[in-house]
Amino acid sequence: MREIDDKLIRQHADRRFRTEYDYALFEYYRSAKVLAHLASVGQAVSGRVLDAGCGGGGMPLSFAEEAESVAAIDLVNRFGDAGVRLARERNRWNLHFLQADGQALPFLDRTFDWVFSHAVIEHVANASKYLRECARVLRPGGRMYLSTAPYLSFAGAHLPRLKVPVPLHLLIGRKLSFGTFRFLARHAEWTLREKADENSFIKIARKNGTKADDLLELVRIRSLRAQVAAAGFRTIHEDLHLTSTFRRLPQPLRHWVRDSPLTQDIAIGHVQYVLARD
């Protein structure tokens, strides 16, 4: 398993929005953290793997270094000039890319030992159907890694941030805040913390004049747990990460904020699951 190289991750994070290839490289180096997390909870990646939403294709390259074979799919062919190139550069011939819909996977039942879904489910039109498909193609005893973020958190909102740290999406709702940030990205970028080369929202809004909202599943922790169970999965491990703001709280209050249905969707910036298909 590749060691986590924080220096390389930071280096590629700074230029990840330049090209799809740059973003795939960033994903490749950052994915060492996913593998390390799985190892820490006693889960080793092996056998036949599916990345059910690979984007540019950097993450499945990491899985191909661990597993027998990897299939990586995405609804849009972002991987053609990135993941394919990376796999060839590193002589990974056990990695294969395919343009396909995660809600209608082109694979037989019980094909894979592992399914990976990293920051995908929030962009899926029918999350329950997507999870059922992931369960269908897993063999009995197979595992799924699922990560996402509640849409009410800063990370899960997938919006730029203001220089003045105001949680606009909590104050005026998603639709109005999305339109506001789209306007600011085009006409008043100076109000935003990030620049165009540091944030894909700003980059697209400036380039195209408009940007569609691709947050199709408004993830909530309680509803996600229900969707996971309804798809036929059993939760082996759940990891809820508070944002840095809430991590500063005293420990008893931290735990309450993390676990309370009243606050957890705002306070949790990242959630990771290891799921089993029985």
Protein backbone atom coordinates (compact mmCIF):
# COMPACT_ATOMS: atom_id res chain seq x y z
CA MET A 1 0.00 0.00 0.00
CA ARG A 2 1.33 3.42 -0.98
CA GLU A 3 2.28 5.70 1.91
CA ILE A 4 0.47 8.99 2.40
CA ASP A 5 2.63 11.81 1.06
CA ASP A 6 1.17 15.05 2.43
CA LYS A 7 3.67 17.16 0.52
CA LEU A 8 2.62 15.67 -2.84
CA ILE A 9 -1.06 15.97 -1.92
CA ARG A 10 -0.67 19.68 -1.12
CA GLN A 11 1.43 20.23 -4.23
CA HIS A 12 -1.18 18.70 -6.53
CA ALA A 13 -4.10 20.23 -4.61
CA ASP A 14 -2.79 23.69 -5.52
CA ARG A 15 -3.05 22.97 -9.25
CA ARG A 16 -5.86 20.41 -9.41
CA PHE A 17 -8.29 22.66 -11.28
CA ARG A 18 -5.92 23.44 -14.15
CA THR A 19 -6.73 20.33 -16.18
CA GLU A 20 -8.54 17.02 -15.77
CA TYR A 21 -5.17 15.30 -15.71
CA ASP A 22 -4.01 17.51 -12.83
CA TYR A 23 -7.16 16.71 -10.89
CA ALA A 24 -6.71 12.98 -11.52
CA LEU A 25 -3.15 13.19 -10.17
CA PHE A 26 -4.42 14.93 -7.06
CA GLU A 27 -7.07 12.24 -6.58
CA TYR A 28 -4.43 9.53 -7.06
CA TYR A 29 -2.18 10.86 -4.31
CA ARG A 30 -5.06 11.72 -1.96
CA SER A 31 -6.61 8.25 -2.34
CA ALA A 32 -3.77 6.83 -0.23
CA LYS A 33 -5.79 8.21 2.70
CA VAL A 34 -8.79 6.08 1.71
CA LEU A 35 -6.68 2.93 1.62
CA ALA A 36 -5.07 3.83 4.95
CA HIS A 37 -8.49 4.36 6.51
CA LEU A 38 -9.66 0.98 5.28
CA ALA A 39 -6.54 -0.70 6.64
CA SER A 40 -7.10 0.99 10.01
CA VAL A 41 -10.52 -0.68 10.31
CA GLY A 42 -9.25 -4.07 9.15
CA GLN A 43 -10.38 -3.91 5.52
CA ALA A 44 -7.96 -4.80 2.71
CA VAL A 45 -8.78 -4.06 -0.92
CA SER A 46 -8.40 -7.14 -3.13
CA GLY A 47 -10.07 -9.16 -5.85
CA ARG A 48 -12.32 -7.50 -8.42
CA VAL A 49 -13.07 -3.82 -7.78
CA LEU A 50 -15.59 -1.37 -9.23
CA ASP A 51 -15.21 2.39 -8.91
CA ALA A 52 -18.83 3.48 -9.40
CA GLY A 53 -18.13 7.12 -10.25
CA CYS A 54 -14.46 7.60 -11.02
CA GLY A 55 -14.43 11.15 -12.40
CA GLY A 56 -11.04 11.78 -13.98
CA GLY A 57 -9.78 8.36 -12.94
CA GLY A 58 -7.10 9.05 -10.36
CA MET A 59 -8.60 7.03 -7.50
CA PRO A 60 -9.13 3.73 -9.35
CA LEU A 61 -5.44 3.79 -10.25
CA SER A 62 -4.72 3.42 -6.52
CA PHE A 63 -7.13 0.49 -6.30
CA ALA A 64 -5.44 -1.17 -9.29
CA GLU A 65 -2.19 -1.17 -7.30
CA GLU A 66 -3.92 -3.30 -4.64
CA ALA A 67 -6.45 -5.47 -6.47
CA GLU A 68 -6.60 -8.13 -9.15
CA SER A 69 -8.66 -6.02 -11.54
CA VAL A 70 -10.50 -2.69 -11.49
CA ALA A 71 -13.41 -1.43 -13.58
CA ALA A 72 -14.02 2.32 -13.36
CA ILE A 73 -17.17 3.95 -14.69
CA ASP A 74 -18.52 7.46 -14.92
CA LEU A 75 -21.56 9.01 -16.58
CA VAL A 76 -19.34 11.53 -18.40
CA ASN A 77 -16.05 10.61 -20.04
CA ARG A 78 -13.74 12.72 -17.94
CA PHE A 79 -11.25 9.86 -17.68
CA GLY A 80 -10.32 9.61 -21.37
CA ASP A 81 -7.51 12.19 -21.19
CA ALA A 82 -6.62 11.63 -17.55
CA GLY A 83 -7.19 8.19 -16.02
CA VAL A 84 -6.36 6.30 -19.19
CA ARG A 85 -3.15 8.28 -19.57
CA LEU A 86 -2.16 7.76 -15.93
CA ALA A 87 -2.79 4.02 -16.14
CA ARG A 88 -0.57 3.74 -19.22
CA GLU A 89 2.18 5.86 -17.65
CA ARG A 90 2.24 3.52 -14.66
CA ASN A 91 1.78 0.30 -16.66
CA ARG A 92 -1.46 -0.60 -14.92
CA TRP A 93 -3.13 -2.92 -17.42
CA ASN A 94 -5.60 -4.29 -14.88
CA LEU A 95 -7.55 -1.00 -14.88
CA HIS A 96 -10.36 -0.51 -17.42
CA PHE A 97 -12.55 2.57 -17.92
CA LEU A 98 -16.11 2.60 -19.22
CA GLN A 99 -18.66 5.37 -19.74
CA ALA A 100 -21.77 4.13 -17.94
CA ASP A 101 -24.59 5.13 -15.60
CA GLY A 102 -24.19 4.08 -11.97
CA GLN A 103 -27.98 3.75 -11.74
CA ALA A 104 -27.94 1.03 -14.43
CA LEU A 105 -24.57 -0.72 -14.14
CA PRO A 106 -23.62 -2.82 -17.20
CA PHE A 107 -22.37 -5.74 -15.10
CA LEU A 108 -23.80 -9.08 -14.03
CA ASP A 109 -24.99 -9.75 -10.50
CA ARG A 110 -22.30 -10.65 -7.96
CA THR A 111 -19.40 -9.56 -10.17
CA PHE A 112 -17.24 -7.58 -7.72
CA ASP A 113 -15.56 -8.00 -4.36
CA TRP A 114 -15.40 -4.25 -3.70
CA VAL A 115 -17.38 -1.22 -4.86
CA PHE A 116 -16.04 2.29 -4.25
CA SER A 117 -18.13 5.45 -4.26
CA HIS A 118 -16.16 8.55 -3.29
CA ALA A 119 -18.08 11.85 -3.34
CA VAL A 120 -20.50 10.48 -5.95
CA ILE A 121 -23.88 9.86 -4.35
CA GLU A 122 -24.65 13.57 -3.93
CA HIS A 123 -24.48 13.95 -7.72
CA VAL A 124 -26.80 11.01 -8.51
CA ALA A 125 -30.39 11.66 -9.56
CA ASN A 126 -31.75 8.61 -7.73
CA ALA A 127 -29.48 7.71 -4.82
CA SER A 128 -31.57 4.75 -3.69
CA LYS A 129 -31.45 3.19 -7.14
CA TYR A 130 -27.71 3.79 -7.32
CA LEU A 131 -27.15 2.01 -4.00
CA ARG A 132 -29.31 -0.93 -5.08
CA GLU A 133 -27.22 -1.28 -8.24
CA CYS A 134 -24.01 -1.23 -6.22
CA ALA A 135 -25.43 -3.94 -3.96
CA ARG A 136 -26.56 -6.01 -6.95
CA VAL A 137 -23.10 -6.26 -8.53
CA LEU A 138 -21.39 -7.15 -5.22
CA ARG A 139 -20.84 -10.79 -4.35
CA PRO A 140 -22.17 -12.05 -1.00
CA GLY A 141 -19.71 -10.91 1.65
CA GLY A 142 -18.44 -8.13 -0.62
CA ARG A 143 -17.65 -4.65 0.66
CA MET A 144 -18.53 -1.13 -0.36
CA TYR A 145 -16.69 2.07 0.57
CA LEU A 146 -19.01 5.08 0.51
CA SER A 147 -18.08 8.67 1.27
CA THR A 148 -20.02 11.91 0.99
CA ALA A 149 -20.95 15.03 2.98
CA PRO A 150 -24.28 16.40 4.27
CA TYR A 151 -25.48 19.17 1.99
CA LEU A 152 -25.99 21.60 4.86
CA SER A 153 -22.30 21.55 5.79
CA PHE A 154 -19.83 23.87 4.08
CA ALA A 155 -18.10 20.94 2.37
CA GLY A 156 -21.33 19.24 1.33
CA ALA A 157 -22.85 22.44 -0.05
CA HIS A 158 -20.26 22.45 -2.89
CA LEU A 159 -20.33 26.24 -2.96
CA PRO A 160 -17.54 28.84 -2.81
CA ARG A 161 -16.92 30.65 0.47
CA LEU A 162 -17.19 34.32 1.19
CA LYS A 163 -14.19 36.21 2.55
CA VAL A 164 -16.50 37.16 5.41
CA PRO A 165 -17.38 33.69 6.80
CA VAL A 166 -21.18 33.86 6.50
CA PRO A 167 -23.03 30.52 6.02
CA LEU A 168 -25.18 31.89 3.23
CA HIS A 169 -26.70 28.52 2.32
CA LEU A 170 -28.07 28.16 5.87
CA LEU A 171 -29.48 31.70 5.98
CA ILE A 172 -31.27 31.99 2.63
CA GLY A 173 -31.53 28.41 1.39
CA ARG A 174 -29.76 26.50 -1.35
CA LYS A 175 -31.51 27.95 -4.42
CA LEU A 176 -30.91 31.59 -3.52
CA SER A 177 -27.37 31.04 -2.26
CA PHE A 178 -26.46 29.09 -5.41
CA GLY A 179 -27.69 31.94 -7.61
CA THR A 180 -25.89 34.49 -5.44
CA PHE A 181 -22.56 32.68 -5.68
CA ARG A 182 -22.99 32.27 -9.42
CA PHE A 183 -23.45 36.05 -9.71
CA LEU A 184 -20.49 36.80 -7.44
CA ALA A 185 -18.23 34.41 -9.37
CA ARG A 186 -18.95 36.32 -12.57
CA HIS A 187 -19.11 39.89 -11.33
CA ALA A 188 -17.52 40.21 -7.88
CA GLU A 189 -14.92 37.52 -7.43
CA TRP A 190 -13.14 39.74 -4.92
CA THR A 191 -15.86 38.85 -2.36
CA LEU A 192 -14.90 35.15 -2.49
CA ARG A 193 -12.18 33.39 -0.53
CA GLU A 194 -11.05 31.19 -3.43
CA LYS A 195 -9.96 32.20 -6.92
CA ALA A 196 -11.05 30.66 -10.21
CA ASP A 197 -8.04 28.32 -10.38
CA GLU A 198 -8.82 27.08 -6.85
CA ASN A 199 -12.52 26.30 -7.23
CA SER A 200 -14.38 24.56 -10.06
CA PHE A 201 -17.65 26.39 -9.30
CA ILE A 202 -16.01 29.78 -9.89
CA LYS A 203 -14.09 28.54 -12.92
CA ILE A 204 -17.19 27.18 -14.66
CA ALA A 205 -19.40 30.13 -13.76
CA ARG A 206 -16.85 32.59 -15.16
CA LYS A 207 -16.23 30.59 -18.31
CA ASN A 208 -19.79 29.68 -19.29
CA GLY A 209 -21.72 32.52 -17.73
CA THR A 210 -23.98 30.00 -16.03
CA LYS A 211 -23.52 26.92 -13.91
CA ALA A 212 -26.14 24.26 -13.32
CA ASP A 213 -26.59 22.91 -9.82
CA ASP A 214 -25.27 19.34 -9.94
CA LEU A 215 -26.07 18.56 -6.30
CA LEU A 216 -28.93 16.19 -7.09
CA GLU A 217 -29.14 14.28 -3.80
CA LEU A 218 -29.42 16.49 -0.72
CA VAL A 219 -27.63 14.16 1.67
CA ARG A 220 -28.76 13.96 5.30
CA ILE A 221 -27.14 11.50 7.71
CA ARG A 222 -30.39 9.90 8.88
CA SER A 223 -31.81 9.50 5.38
CA LEU A 224 -28.51 8.14 4.06
CA ARG A 225 -28.47 5.47 6.76
CA ALA A 226 -32.01 4.48 5.76
CA GLN A 227 -31.10 4.33 2.06
CA VAL A 228 -28.06 2.17 2.80
CA ALA A 229 -30.13 -0.31 4.81
CA ALA A 230 -32.95 -0.37 2.23
CA ALA A 231 -30.44 -1.28 -0.50
CA GLY A 232 -29.49 -4.42 1.44
CA PHE A 233 -26.27 -3.26 3.07
CA ARG A 234 -25.09 -3.79 6.62
CA THR A 235 -22.90 -1.04 8.09
CA ILE A 236 -19.55 -2.34 9.31
CA HIS A 237 -18.01 1.04 10.06
CA GLU A 238 -19.29 4.60 10.11
CA ASP A 239 -16.87 7.52 10.40
CA LEU A 240 -18.32 11.01 10.97
CA HIS A 241 -15.82 13.88 10.70
CA LEU A 242 -16.67 17.23 12.23
CA THR A 243 -15.57 20.39 10.45
CA SER A 244 -12.66 22.27 12.00
CA THR A 245 -15.01 24.87 13.52
CA PHE A 246 -16.86 22.26 15.59
CA ARG A 247 -13.75 20.26 16.46
CA ARG A 248 -12.70 23.17 18.66
CA LEU A 249 -15.62 22.58 21.03
CA PRO A 250 -15.18 20.76 24.36
CA GLN A 251 -15.42 17.00 23.91
CA PRO A 252 -18.92 16.40 25.40
CA LEU A 253 -20.36 19.20 23.26
CA ARG A 254 -18.46 17.92 20.21
CA HIS A 255 -20.08 14.51 20.58
CA TRP A 256 -23.53 16.02 21.03
CA VAL A 257 -23.17 18.21 17.94
CA ARG A 258 -21.94 15.24 15.90
CA ASP A 259 -24.69 12.86 16.97
CA SER A 260 -27.74 15.11 17.35
CA PRO A 261 -30.13 15.11 14.36
CA LEU A 262 -30.56 18.83 15.01
CA THR A 263 -26.95 19.72 14.28
CA GLN A 264 -25.06 16.85 12.65
CA ASP A 265 -25.92 17.73 9.05
CA ILE A 266 -24.36 21.16 9.56
CA ALA A 267 -21.41 20.11 11.71
CA ILE A 268 -20.22 17.01 9.83
CA GLY A 269 -18.04 17.84 6.85
CA HIS A 270 -17.28 14.29 5.72
CA VAL A 271 -18.70 10.82 6.31
CA GLN A 272 -17.16 7.46 5.40
CA TYR A 273 -18.83 4.06 5.45
CA VAL A 274 -17.64 0.51 5.06
CA LEU A 275 -20.67 -1.53 4.08
CA ALA A 276 -21.18 -5.28 3.66
CA ARG A 277 -23.43 -7.11 1.24
CA ASP A 278 -24.67 -10.25 3.00
